[in-house]
C-alpha atoms as a PDB file:
ATOM      1  CA  MET A   1      17.202   6.255  34.392  1.00  0.00           C
ATOM      2  CA  ALA A   2      16.624   9.356  32.277  1.00  0.00           C
ATOM      3  CA  LYS A   3      19.354   8.115  29.977  1.00  0.00           C
ATOM      4  CA  ASN A   4      17.379   4.942  29.176  1.00  0.00           C
ATOM      5  CA  GLU A   5      14.273   6.974  28.315  1.00  0.00           C
ATOM      6  CA  ASN A   6      16.310   9.154  25.935  1.00  0.00           C
ATOM      7  CA  GLU A   7      17.808   6.092  24.257  1.00  0.00           C
ATOM      8  CA  THR A   8      14.383   4.566  23.609  1.00  0.00           C
ATOM      9  CA  GLU A   9      13.118   7.881  22.195  1.00  0.00           C
ATOM     10  CA  GLU A  10      16.096   8.011  19.841  1.00  0.00           C
ATOM     11  CA  GLU A  11      15.434   4.434  18.659  1.00  0.00           C
ATOM     12  CA  LYS A  12      11.802   5.092  17.691  1.00  0.00           C
ATOM     13  CA  PRO A  13      12.506   7.316  14.672  1.00  0.00           C
ATOM     14  CA  ARG A  14      15.089   4.845  13.413  1.00  0.00           C
ATOM     15  CA  ILE A  15      12.721   1.881  13.598  1.00  0.00           C
ATOM     16  CA  LYS A  16       9.662   3.563  12.055  1.00  0.00           C
ATOM     17  CA  PRO A  17      11.096   3.892   8.492  1.00  0.00           C
ATOM     18  CA  ILE A  18      12.245   0.275   8.639  1.00  0.00           C
ATOM     19  CA  ILE A  19       8.738  -0.875   9.566  1.00  0.00           C
ATOM     20  CA  GLU A  20       7.192   1.217   6.785  1.00  0.00           C
ATOM     21  CA  ALA A  21       9.648  -0.195   4.247  1.00  0.00           C
ATOM     22  CA  ALA A  22       8.963  -3.751   5.419  1.00  0.00           C
ATOM     23  CA  ASP A  23       5.231  -3.112   5.080  1.00  0.00           C
ATOM     24  CA  SER A  24       5.692  -2.038   1.464  1.00  0.00           C
ATOM     25  CA  LEU A  25       8.027  -4.939   0.799  1.00  0.00           C
ATOM     26  CA  SER A  26       5.557  -7.371   2.286  1.00  0.00           C
ATOM     27  CA  LEU A  27       3.072  -6.514  -0.467  1.00  0.00           C
ATOM     28  CA  GLY A  28       5.439  -7.803  -3.137  1.00  0.00           C
ATOM     29  CA  ILE A  29       6.297 -10.867  -1.127  1.00  0.00           C
ATOM     30  CA  SER A  30       2.640 -11.619  -0.418  1.00  0.00           C
ATOM     31  CA  MET A  31       1.852 -11.423  -4.139  1.00  0.00           C
ATOM     32  CA  VAL A  32       4.564 -13.937  -4.962  1.00  0.00           C
ATOM     33  CA  VAL A  33       3.543 -16.231  -2.116  1.00  0.00           C
ATOM     34  CA  ALA A  34      -0.142 -16.081  -3.107  1.00  0.00           C
ATOM     35  CA  VAL A  35       0.600 -17.065  -6.702  1.00  0.00           C
ATOM     36  CA  ALA A  36       3.033 -19.786  -5.565  1.00  0.00           C
ATOM     37  CA  MET A  37       0.433 -21.205  -3.191  1.00  0.00           C
ATOM     38  CA  GLY A  38      -2.147 -21.163  -5.977  1.00  0.00           C
ATOM     39  CA  VAL A  39       0.238 -23.046  -8.259  1.00  0.00           C
ATOM     40  CA  GLY A  40       0.876 -25.537  -5.457  1.00  0.00           C
ATOM     41  CA  ILE A  41      -2.837 -26.035  -4.859  1.00  0.00           C
ATOM     42  CA  GLY A  42      -3.405 -26.482  -8.590  1.00  0.00           C
ATOM     43  CA  TYR A  43      -0.602 -29.010  -8.847  1.00  0.00           C
ATOM     44  CA  LEU A  44      -1.955 -30.905  -5.835  1.00  0.00           C
ATOM     45  CA  LEU A  45      -5.469 -30.969  -7.287  1.00  0.00           C
ATOM     46  CA  ARG A  46      -4.158 -32.164 -10.643  1.00  0.00           C
ATOM     47  CA  SER A  47      -2.096 -34.889  -8.970  1.00  0.00           C
ATOM     48  CA  LEU A  48      -4.986 -36.133  -6.842  1.00  0.00           C
ATOM     49  CA  THR A  49      -7.659 -36.140  -9.546  1.00  0.00           C
ATOM     50  CA  ASP A  50      -5.722 -36.509 -12.837  1.00  0.00           C
ATOM     51  CA  ILE A  51      -7.758 -33.617 -14.286  1.00  0.00           C
ATOM     52  CA  GLY A  52      -5.349 -31.275 -16.076  1.00  0.00           C
ATOM     53  CA  TRP A  53      -7.414 -28.085 -15.991  1.00  0.00           C
ATOM     54  CA  LEU A  54      -7.546 -28.096 -12.166  1.00  0.00           C
ATOM     55  CA  PHE A  55      -3.940 -26.885 -12.240  1.00  0.00           C
ATOM     56  CA  TRP A  56      -5.132 -23.697 -13.932  1.00  0.00           C
ATOM     57  CA  VAL A  57      -7.921 -23.312 -11.387  1.00  0.00           C
ATOM     58  CA  GLY A  58      -5.244 -23.209  -8.688  1.00  0.00           C
ATOM     59  CA  VAL A  59      -3.189 -20.683 -10.675  1.00  0.00           C
ATOM     60  CA  PHE A  60      -6.212 -18.405 -11.045  1.00  0.00           C
ATOM     61  CA  ILE A  61      -6.998 -18.753  -7.326  1.00  0.00           C
ATOM     62  CA  GLY A  62      -3.436 -17.629  -6.568  1.00  0.00           C
ATOM     63  CA  ILE A  63      -3.673 -14.674  -8.936  1.00  0.00           C
ATOM     64  CA  ALA A  64      -7.025 -13.684  -7.408  1.00  0.00           C
ATOM     65  CA  ALA A  65      -5.480 -13.817  -3.940  1.00  0.00           C
ATOM     66  CA  ALA A  66      -2.595 -11.609  -5.108  1.00  0.00           C
ATOM     67  CA  VAL A  67      -5.042  -9.064  -6.565  1.00  0.00           C
ATOM     68  CA  LEU A  68      -6.994  -9.122  -3.310  1.00  0.00           C
ATOM     69  CA  ASN A  69      -3.782  -8.390  -1.383  1.00  0.00           C
ATOM     70  CA  VAL A  70      -3.080  -5.393  -3.633  1.00  0.00           C
ATOM     71  CA  TYR A  71      -6.651  -4.140  -3.154  1.00  0.00           C
ATOM     72  CA  LYS A  72      -6.381  -4.441   0.635  1.00  0.00           C
ATOM     73  CA  ALA A  73      -3.073  -2.554   0.646  1.00  0.00           C
ATOM     74  CA  TYR A  74      -4.558   0.142  -1.599  1.00  0.00           C
ATOM     75  CA  SER A  75      -7.582   0.499   0.685  1.00  0.00           C
ATOM     76  CA  LYS A  76      -5.337   0.853   3.715  1.00  0.00           C
ATOM     77  CA  GLN A  77      -3.162   3.488   2.049  1.00  0.00           C
ATOM     78  CA  TYR A  78      -6.217   5.399   0.805  1.00  0.00           C
ATOM     79  CA  LYS A  79      -7.678   5.445   4.311  1.00  0.00           C
ATOM     80  CA  ASP A  80      -4.378   6.803   5.644  1.00  0.00           C
ATOM     81  CA  TYR A  81      -4.398   9.425   2.886  1.00  0.00           C
ATOM     82  CA  GLU A  82      -7.918  10.526   3.813  1.00  0.00           C
ATOM     83  CA  GLU A  83      -6.916  10.863   7.458  1.00  0.00           C
ATOM     84  CA  LEU A  84      -3.915  12.939   6.413  1.00  0.00           C
ATOM     85  CA  ALA A  85      -6.062  15.151   4.180  1.00  0.00           C
ATOM     86  CA  LYS A  86      -8.313  15.953   7.153  1.00  0.00           C
ATOM     87  CA  GLN A  87      -5.440  17.539   9.025  1.00  0.00           C
ATOM     88  CA  PRO A  88      -5.473  21.330   8.658  1.00  0.00           C
ATOM     89  CA  ARG A  89      -1.816  21.409   7.747  1.00  0.00           C
ATOM     90  CA  TYR A  90      -2.403  19.414   4.569  1.00  0.00           C
ATOM     91  CA  ALA A  91      -5.963  20.496   3.725  1.00  0.00           C
ATOM     92  CA  VAL A  92      -6.476  21.736   0.180  1.00  0.00           C
ATOM     93  CA  LYS A  93      -8.333  25.008  -0.177  1.00  0.00           C
ATOM     94  CA  LYS A  94     -11.480  24.572  -2.211  1.00  0.00           C
ATOM     95  CA  LYS A  95     -11.782  28.165  -3.359  1.00  0.00           C
ATOM     96  CA  LEU A  96      -9.092  30.528  -4.473  1.00  0.00           C
ATOM     97  CA  GLU A  97      -8.914  33.926  -2.929  1.00  0.00           C
ATOM     98  CA  GLU A  98     -10.270  36.842  -4.927  1.00  0.00           C
ATOM     99  CA  ASP A  99      -6.782  38.399  -5.445  1.00  0.00           C
ATOM    100  CA  ASP A 100      -5.586  35.312  -7.328  1.00  0.00           C
ATOM    101  CA  ASP A 101      -8.115  35.871 -10.113  1.00  0.00           C
ATOM    102  CA  GLU A 102      -6.547  39.095 -11.374  1.00  0.00           C
ATOM    103  CA  ASP A 103      -6.262  39.781 -15.070  1.00  0.00           C
ATOM    104  CA  TYR A 104      -2.678  39.397 -16.163  1.00  0.00           C
ATOM    105  CA  GLY A 105      -3.072  41.181 -19.526  1.00  0.00           C
ATOM    106  CA  GLU A 106      -0.544  44.002 -19.945  1.00  0.00           C
ATOM    107  CA  LYS A 107       2.509  44.195 -17.754  1.00  0.00           C
ATOM    108  CA  SER A 108       3.927  47.517 -16.732  1.00  0.00           C
ATOM    109  CA  TYR A 109       7.386  47.258 -15.315  1.00  0.00           C
END
């Protein structure tokens, strides 16, 4: 039984990078799908109404959806970055120590 627990623990680190890569890949795929759906909606509107400029309305809706997907992904990554910056290990010091402000004029070796 302990062997099964060790096997599942070993699988977790292998799966995590795959999930992170798929999440990044999904952004590109979602952009393409959003634009393709917008083109499809525009084509459908043009076919139903015989108004040519409705095709471009659909294209712009698809592009807007793709931009919204990028914005959502950026917001998510920025929130993760802020959480990471709060950890003491990665915190940036706001002030330099006094010894770092020494005058480096003449060097005596």
